[in-house]
Amino acid sequence: MKTQFKSSKVQGFKVLGFLFVLTVEHLNPLNLERVFAQANFYQGKTITMVVSSTVGGGYDLWARLTARHIVKYIPGNPSIVVQNMPGAGNIIGANYVYGVAKADGLTLGAVNPALYFDQLVGRSEVKFDWGKFNWIGSPEKNDVVYYMRADAPFKNVEDLRNFSGYPGASDIELAIERGEVYCWSPLLATYFGREPYRRWHKSGYVRVLLQTGAKRDPRLKDTPTLNELMQQYKTSEAGRRLAKVILTAATLGRPIGAAPGTPADRVKILRDAYAKAIADPDLLGEAAKQGWEVAPTKGEELQTLSKEVIAQPRETIERMKWVLGPE
C-alpha cells in the first residue's frame, strides 16, 4: 500500500509535468519563446537608418532625432547609425531598404511620403511596392499651404483661376527673372517651423491662399481649405479622388519603414519602440526647440493608408500621369 502510494505520487508528478508541457505548447500561439529570442536579437547589433534625402533637410533631421531615442526602447540596447542615400528623387534609398538590405529588422528607411506617386505612374526606377513596406511610424501628420508674395496681383484662388499663366518653360524662366513667379506650396509644418517662412508670415511678405486638411488651421483661420473650395467649385468625384491620392502623402508625414519579409516579432518591437520614443520627454523637448509639432501616426495606421492609396483605378492613375507629366 505504501509502495503503491509512492508510485501514484510519481505518476501524479509525471501527469502534472505532461499537462504543463501541453499547456506551454497550447500557449505557443503567444510565441513566448520566440518573443524572448526576438527581444534579445538586437543585443550587440547595429541598426542602420537609411535616409533617402540629403543631409540637413526636414526628413533627415527628424530621422536623426528619432534614431537618437528609439534605441533606448529596443530590448538589447542596440546601437544605430544614420546613412544618407539620396538620388533619383529619393527613390534610391527606398529601393535599397525594400529590396537590397536584409529583411532582418536591422535596416530602417526614412523615405519621402510622396514616393508612391512614382509607383502609381509606373516610373521605371521604382523597385518597391509602397503598400508592402512594414511601416514603423511617423512623427507628424501634415497639411500643405499655398502661399504667394503679398505684393503679387493675386489675392485669392479665384484670381489664380482667372489668370492664363505661362504657355511654356522659356516663358516661366523669363517670368522668374522678371520677378513674376511668387507662389509655392510647402508643408504646414515647414511653413510655421523654420525660416524664412516664419519671418515672411510675421511680416506679411507672403499671403496664404489655400490650405489642405479637413479643417482650417487655427493660425490660418481666414484661409479656406481645399475641401471648401472643391465644394464651392463643385469638383467632380474623379477630381476629389485625385486630390485625396496626392494629399495622402502629407498625411503620412515623415514615415519610417522596414523591408517586407521582416519578422513580425521584430516589426512589433520596432513599432513599440518608436511609439515610446516619439513620446519621450527629451525628444519632445528637442522638437519644441526646433518649432516642430509632434502628431505621430502609428505603424499600423500607416500600413492601412499605404495599402489604400496604392490601390487606385486606372482613371485616377491616368490623371496622376497628366498632373506629374512625362517620365
Protein backbone atom coordinates (compact mmCIF):
# COMPACT_ATOMS: atom_id res chain seq x y z
CA MET A 1 0.00 0.00 0.00
CA LYS A 2 2.82 2.31 0.90
CA THR A 3 4.74 1.42 -2.25
CA GLN A 4 1.66 1.94 -4.38
CA PHE A 5 1.22 5.39 -2.85
CA LYS A 6 4.74 6.32 -3.87
CA SER A 7 4.10 5.03 -7.34
CA SER A 8 0.88 7.01 -7.59
CA LYS A 9 2.70 10.09 -6.40
CA VAL A 10 5.38 9.66 -9.05
CA GLN A 11 2.75 9.05 -11.68
CA GLY A 12 0.94 12.14 -10.48
CA PHE A 13 4.05 14.27 -10.94
CA LYS A 14 4.51 12.83 -14.42
CA VAL A 15 0.95 13.66 -15.31
CA LEU A 16 1.34 17.19 -13.96
CA GLY A 17 4.57 17.58 -15.92
CA PHE A 18 2.89 16.33 -19.05
CA LEU A 19 0.00 18.73 -18.55
CA PHE A 20 2.47 21.58 -18.03
CA VAL A 21 4.20 20.78 -21.33
CA LEU A 22 0.85 20.62 -23.08
CA THR A 23 -0.14 23.96 -21.57
CA VAL A 24 3.06 25.63 -22.76
CA GLU A 25 2.56 24.18 -26.22
CA HIS A 26 -1.06 25.27 -26.16
CA LEU A 27 0.05 28.78 -25.31
CA ASN A 28 2.61 28.67 -28.08
CA PRO A 29 0.47 30.95 -30.33
CA LEU A 30 1.70 33.64 -27.95
CA ASN A 31 5.20 32.68 -29.15
CA LEU A 32 6.66 33.18 -25.69
CA GLU A 33 10.00 31.60 -26.57
CA ARG A 34 10.18 33.40 -29.89
CA VAL A 35 9.33 36.76 -28.35
CA PHE A 36 12.15 36.26 -25.87
CA ALA A 37 14.54 35.37 -28.67
CA GLN A 38 13.49 38.35 -30.77
CA ALA A 39 13.80 40.70 -27.80
CA ASN A 40 17.40 39.59 -27.42
CA PHE A 41 18.08 39.57 -31.16
CA TYR A 42 19.12 43.22 -31.03
CA GLN A 43 21.68 42.77 -28.26
CA GLY A 44 25.10 43.76 -29.59
CA LYS A 45 23.66 44.62 -33.02
CA THR A 46 23.73 47.87 -35.03
CA ILE A 47 20.65 49.26 -36.77
CA THR A 48 21.11 51.33 -39.91
CA MET A 49 18.68 54.18 -40.53
CA VAL A 50 18.76 54.92 -44.27
CA VAL A 51 17.60 58.45 -45.11
CA SER A 52 16.59 58.76 -48.76
CA SER A 53 17.26 62.51 -48.84
CA THR A 54 20.31 64.74 -48.37
CA VAL A 55 21.73 65.90 -45.05
CA GLY A 56 20.10 68.84 -43.31
CA GLY A 57 16.53 68.72 -44.61
CA GLY A 58 13.41 68.05 -42.56
CA TYR A 59 13.32 64.33 -43.31
CA ASP A 60 16.98 63.93 -42.39
CA LEU A 61 16.72 65.95 -39.17
CA TRP A 62 13.63 64.07 -37.99
CA ALA A 63 15.26 60.71 -38.77
CA ARG A 64 18.35 61.64 -36.74
CA LEU A 65 16.25 62.85 -33.82
CA THR A 66 14.22 59.62 -33.87
CA ALA A 67 17.36 57.50 -34.14
CA ARG A 68 18.84 59.04 -31.00
CA HIS A 69 15.83 57.99 -28.94
CA ILE A 70 14.37 54.81 -30.45
CA VAL A 71 17.30 52.61 -29.42
CA LYS A 72 16.56 53.36 -25.76
CA TYR A 73 13.33 51.39 -26.11
CA ILE A 74 14.56 48.41 -28.13
CA PRO A 75 15.35 45.41 -25.90
CA GLY A 76 19.04 44.57 -26.11
CA ASN A 77 20.08 48.23 -26.43
CA PRO A 78 21.47 48.12 -29.98
CA SER A 79 23.44 50.97 -31.48
CA ILE A 80 22.22 52.89 -34.52
CA VAL A 81 23.86 54.74 -37.41
CA VAL A 82 22.23 57.11 -39.89
CA GLN A 83 23.20 56.81 -43.54
CA ASN A 84 22.01 59.26 -46.19
CA MET A 85 21.27 57.66 -49.54
CA PRO A 86 19.80 60.38 -51.80
CA GLY A 87 19.28 60.19 -55.54
CA ALA A 88 16.66 59.71 -58.25
CA GLY A 89 14.16 61.83 -56.34
CA ASN A 90 14.59 59.79 -53.13
CA ILE A 91 13.93 56.52 -54.96
CA ILE A 92 17.43 55.06 -54.49
CA GLY A 93 17.18 54.92 -50.71
CA ALA A 94 13.69 53.42 -50.82
CA ASN A 95 14.78 50.77 -53.33
CA TYR A 96 17.71 49.85 -51.11
CA VAL A 97 15.65 49.38 -47.97
CA TYR A 98 12.94 47.47 -49.84
CA GLY A 99 14.95 45.01 -51.89
CA VAL A 100 18.70 45.18 -51.23
CA ALA A 101 19.16 45.31 -47.46
CA LYS A 102 18.40 42.15 -45.49
CA ALA A 103 14.84 41.93 -44.17
CA ASP A 104 16.06 41.26 -40.65
CA GLY A 105 14.89 44.34 -38.76
CA LEU A 106 18.35 45.91 -38.76
CA THR A 107 17.70 48.35 -41.61
CA LEU A 108 15.11 51.11 -41.42
CA GLY A 109 14.25 53.64 -44.09
CA ALA A 110 13.21 57.26 -43.63
CA VAL A 111 11.65 57.95 -47.01
CA ASN A 112 9.74 60.70 -48.75
CA PRO A 113 6.00 60.03 -48.32
CA ALA A 114 5.21 61.06 -51.90
CA LEU A 115 7.26 58.25 -53.44
CA TYR A 116 4.14 56.22 -54.07
CA PHE A 117 3.35 58.76 -56.82
CA ASP A 118 6.25 57.27 -58.80
CA GLN A 119 4.91 53.76 -58.32
CA LEU A 120 1.39 54.72 -59.36
CA VAL A 121 2.51 56.32 -62.62
CA GLY A 122 4.90 53.49 -63.42
CA ARG A 123 8.31 55.13 -63.13
CA SER A 124 10.90 52.61 -64.34
CA GLU A 125 13.30 53.40 -61.47
CA VAL A 126 10.84 52.17 -58.83
CA LYS A 127 11.72 48.73 -57.47
CA PHE A 128 9.42 48.76 -54.46
CA ASP A 129 5.76 48.20 -53.66
CA TRP A 130 4.70 51.01 -51.34
CA GLY A 131 1.94 49.02 -49.68
CA LYS A 132 4.30 46.18 -48.74
CA PHE A 133 6.77 48.16 -46.65
CA ASN A 134 6.49 47.34 -42.95
CA TRP A 135 5.74 50.82 -41.67
CA ILE A 136 7.06 51.63 -38.19
CA GLY A 137 5.70 55.11 -37.56
CA SER A 138 5.71 58.80 -38.44
CA PRO A 139 6.22 61.80 -36.13
CA GLU A 140 3.68 64.08 -37.71
CA LYS A 141 0.61 64.44 -39.89
CA ASN A 142 0.86 67.33 -42.29
CA ASP A 143 -1.17 69.60 -44.48
CA VAL A 144 0.04 71.75 -47.34
CA VAL A 145 -0.28 75.52 -47.64
CA TYR A 146 -0.15 77.54 -50.85
CA TYR A 147 1.34 80.96 -50.31
CA MET A 148 2.12 83.89 -52.56
CA ARG A 149 4.08 87.08 -52.13
CA ALA A 150 1.74 89.69 -50.71
CA ASP A 151 2.70 92.22 -53.38
CA ALA A 152 1.63 89.87 -56.19
CA PRO A 153 -1.50 90.83 -58.12
CA PHE A 154 -3.33 87.69 -57.00
CA LYS A 155 -5.35 87.99 -53.81
CA ASN A 156 -7.13 84.63 -53.72
CA VAL A 157 -7.68 81.36 -55.57
CA GLU A 158 -10.31 82.94 -57.83
CA ASP A 159 -7.68 85.36 -59.18
CA LEU A 160 -5.45 82.39 -59.99
CA ARG A 161 -8.26 80.55 -61.75
CA ASN A 162 -8.84 83.55 -63.99
CA PHE A 163 -5.17 84.00 -64.86
CA SER A 164 -3.91 82.45 -68.09
CA GLY A 165 -0.45 81.57 -66.82
CA TYR A 166 2.66 80.96 -68.92
CA PRO A 167 2.47 78.79 -72.03
CA GLY A 168 5.92 77.19 -71.85
CA ALA A 169 9.17 76.64 -69.96
CA SER A 170 11.01 79.54 -71.58
CA ASP A 171 8.21 81.91 -70.58
CA ILE A 172 8.41 80.69 -67.00
CA GLU A 173 12.17 81.21 -66.92
CA LEU A 174 11.75 84.79 -68.13
CA ALA A 175 9.00 85.32 -65.59
CA ILE A 176 11.35 84.19 -62.79
CA GLU A 177 13.99 86.66 -63.95
CA ARG A 178 11.39 89.43 -64.01
CA GLY A 179 10.19 88.51 -60.52
CA GLU A 180 6.76 87.44 -61.73
CA VAL A 181 6.69 83.97 -60.16
CA TYR A 182 5.89 84.21 -56.47
CA CYS A 183 3.90 81.12 -55.49
CA TRP A 184 4.93 77.92 -53.72
CA SER A 185 3.39 75.16 -51.57
CA PRO A 186 5.37 73.91 -48.55
CA LEU A 187 4.16 71.65 -45.78
CA LEU A 188 2.32 73.41 -42.99
CA ALA A 189 4.97 72.19 -40.52
CA THR A 190 7.68 73.71 -42.70
CA TYR A 191 5.83 76.99 -43.15
CA PHE A 192 5.47 77.55 -39.41
CA GLY A 193 8.56 75.58 -38.41
CA ARG A 194 11.54 77.36 -39.96
CA GLU A 195 12.91 80.41 -41.67
CA PRO A 196 12.41 82.24 -43.91
CA TYR A 197 8.72 81.25 -43.71
CA ARG A 198 8.25 82.39 -40.12
CA ARG A 199 9.65 85.81 -40.92
CA TRP A 200 7.69 86.07 -44.16
CA HIS A 201 4.45 85.18 -42.42
CA LYS A 202 5.03 87.53 -39.48
CA SER A 203 5.97 90.47 -41.70
CA GLY A 204 3.15 89.90 -44.17
CA TYR A 205 5.62 89.31 -47.01
CA VAL A 206 3.53 86.35 -48.20
CA ARG A 207 -0.18 85.60 -48.25
CA VAL A 208 -1.51 82.05 -47.79
CA LEU A 209 -4.25 81.41 -50.33
CA LEU A 210 -5.15 77.81 -49.60
CA GLN A 211 -4.57 75.01 -47.10
CA THR A 212 -5.27 71.30 -47.26
CA GLY A 213 -6.68 69.27 -44.40
CA ALA A 214 -10.12 68.52 -43.03
CA LYS A 215 -10.38 71.83 -41.15
CA ARG A 216 -8.69 75.22 -41.06
CA ASP A 217 -5.51 75.56 -39.05
CA PRO A 218 -6.06 77.98 -36.13
CA ARG A 219 -3.09 80.03 -37.31
CA LEU A 220 -4.69 80.41 -40.75
CA LYS A 221 -8.32 80.75 -39.72
CA ASP A 222 -9.14 83.08 -42.63
CA THR A 223 -7.62 80.79 -45.26
CA PRO A 224 -10.02 78.34 -46.98
CA THR A 225 -9.31 74.62 -47.15
CA LEU A 226 -9.12 72.66 -50.36
CA ASN A 227 -12.25 70.75 -49.36
CA GLU A 228 -14.16 74.01 -49.03
CA LEU A 229 -13.02 75.13 -52.45
CA MET A 230 -13.81 71.77 -54.07
CA GLN A 231 -17.31 72.07 -52.69
CA GLN A 232 -17.56 75.66 -53.88
CA TYR A 233 -16.42 74.82 -57.40
CA LYS A 234 -18.35 71.53 -57.49
CA THR A 235 -15.29 69.39 -58.17
CA SER A 236 -16.09 66.02 -59.73
CA GLU A 237 -15.76 62.77 -57.82
CA ALA A 238 -12.78 61.85 -60.00
CA GLY A 239 -11.13 65.15 -59.12
CA ARG A 240 -11.77 64.60 -55.42
CA ARG A 241 -10.26 61.11 -55.60
CA LEU A 242 -7.16 62.50 -57.31
CA ALA A 243 -6.83 65.18 -54.63
CA LYS A 244 -7.05 62.54 -51.89
CA VAL A 245 -4.38 60.40 -53.54
CA ILE A 246 -2.00 63.32 -53.81
CA LEU A 247 -2.66 64.75 -50.36
CA THR A 248 -2.29 61.43 -48.53
CA ALA A 249 1.45 61.99 -48.88
CA ALA A 250 1.24 64.92 -46.48
CA THR A 251 -0.86 62.85 -44.07
CA LEU A 252 1.84 60.18 -43.99
CA GLY A 253 4.21 62.81 -42.64
CA ARG A 254 7.80 61.58 -42.43
CA PRO A 255 7.39 57.79 -42.40
CA ILE A 256 9.93 55.21 -41.32
CA GLY A 257 9.64 51.68 -42.64
CA ALA A 258 11.35 48.31 -42.94
CA ALA A 259 11.52 45.80 -45.76
CA PRO A 260 8.78 43.28 -46.49
CA GLY A 261 9.63 39.93 -45.00
CA THR A 262 10.95 41.41 -41.77
CA PRO A 263 9.86 39.01 -38.99
CA ALA A 264 6.58 40.15 -37.46
CA ASP A 265 8.04 39.96 -33.95
CA ARG A 266 10.75 42.44 -34.84
CA VAL A 267 8.30 44.73 -36.60
CA LYS A 268 6.27 44.82 -33.38
CA ILE A 269 9.37 45.54 -31.31
CA LEU A 270 10.29 48.42 -33.63
CA ARG A 271 6.76 49.84 -33.67
CA ASP A 272 6.51 49.70 -29.89
CA ALA A 273 9.92 51.32 -29.52
CA TYR A 274 9.02 54.04 -32.00
CA ALA A 275 5.77 54.83 -30.16
CA LYS A 276 7.68 55.17 -26.89
CA ALA A 277 10.47 57.20 -28.45
CA ILE A 278 8.10 59.70 -30.05
CA ALA A 279 6.56 60.31 -26.61
CA ASP A 280 9.93 60.60 -24.88
CA PRO A 281 10.18 63.93 -22.99
CA ASP A 282 13.71 64.51 -24.28
CA LEU A 283 12.62 64.03 -27.89
CA LEU A 284 9.60 66.27 -27.38
CA GLY A 285 11.86 68.90 -25.84
CA GLU A 286 14.25 68.84 -28.80
CA ALA A 287 11.33 69.02 -31.24
CA ALA A 288 9.88 72.00 -29.38
CA LYS A 289 13.19 73.86 -29.64
CA GLN A 290 13.04 73.38 -33.41
CA GLY A 291 9.45 74.55 -33.55
CA TRP A 292 8.29 71.12 -34.74
CA GLU A 293 4.82 69.91 -33.86
CA VAL A 294 4.56 66.25 -32.90
CA ALA A 295 1.41 64.47 -34.07
CA PRO A 296 2.51 60.84 -34.54
CA THR A 297 0.95 58.15 -36.67
CA LYS A 298 1.34 54.51 -35.63
CA GLY A 299 2.83 51.97 -37.97
CA GLU A 300 -0.43 50.04 -38.24
CA GLU A 301 -2.26 53.15 -39.44
CA LEU A 302 0.48 53.95 -41.94
CA GLN A 303 0.17 50.38 -43.21
CA THR A 304 -3.56 50.80 -43.84
CA LEU A 305 -3.19 54.21 -45.51
CA SER A 306 -0.38 52.96 -47.74
CA LYS A 307 -2.35 49.98 -48.98
CA GLU A 308 -5.40 52.12 -49.65
CA VAL A 309 -3.58 54.87 -51.54
CA ILE A 310 -1.75 52.47 -53.84
CA ALA A 311 -4.99 50.69 -54.90
CA GLN A 312 -6.31 53.18 -57.45
CA PRO A 313 -8.49 52.76 -60.56
CA ARG A 314 -6.99 53.33 -63.98
CA GLU A 315 -8.75 56.68 -64.39
CA THR A 316 -7.04 58.10 -61.31
CA ILE A 317 -3.65 56.79 -62.41
CA GLU A 318 -4.05 58.40 -65.84
CA ARG A 319 -4.94 61.70 -64.16
CA MET A 320 -1.86 61.34 -61.96
CA LYS A 321 0.30 60.89 -65.06
CA TRP A 322 -1.20 64.05 -66.55
CA VAL A 323 -0.54 66.04 -63.38
CA LEU A 324 3.02 64.80 -62.90
CA GLY A 325 3.97 64.98 -66.55
CA PRO A 326 6.02 62.55 -68.65
CA GLU A 327 8.76 60.46 -67.08
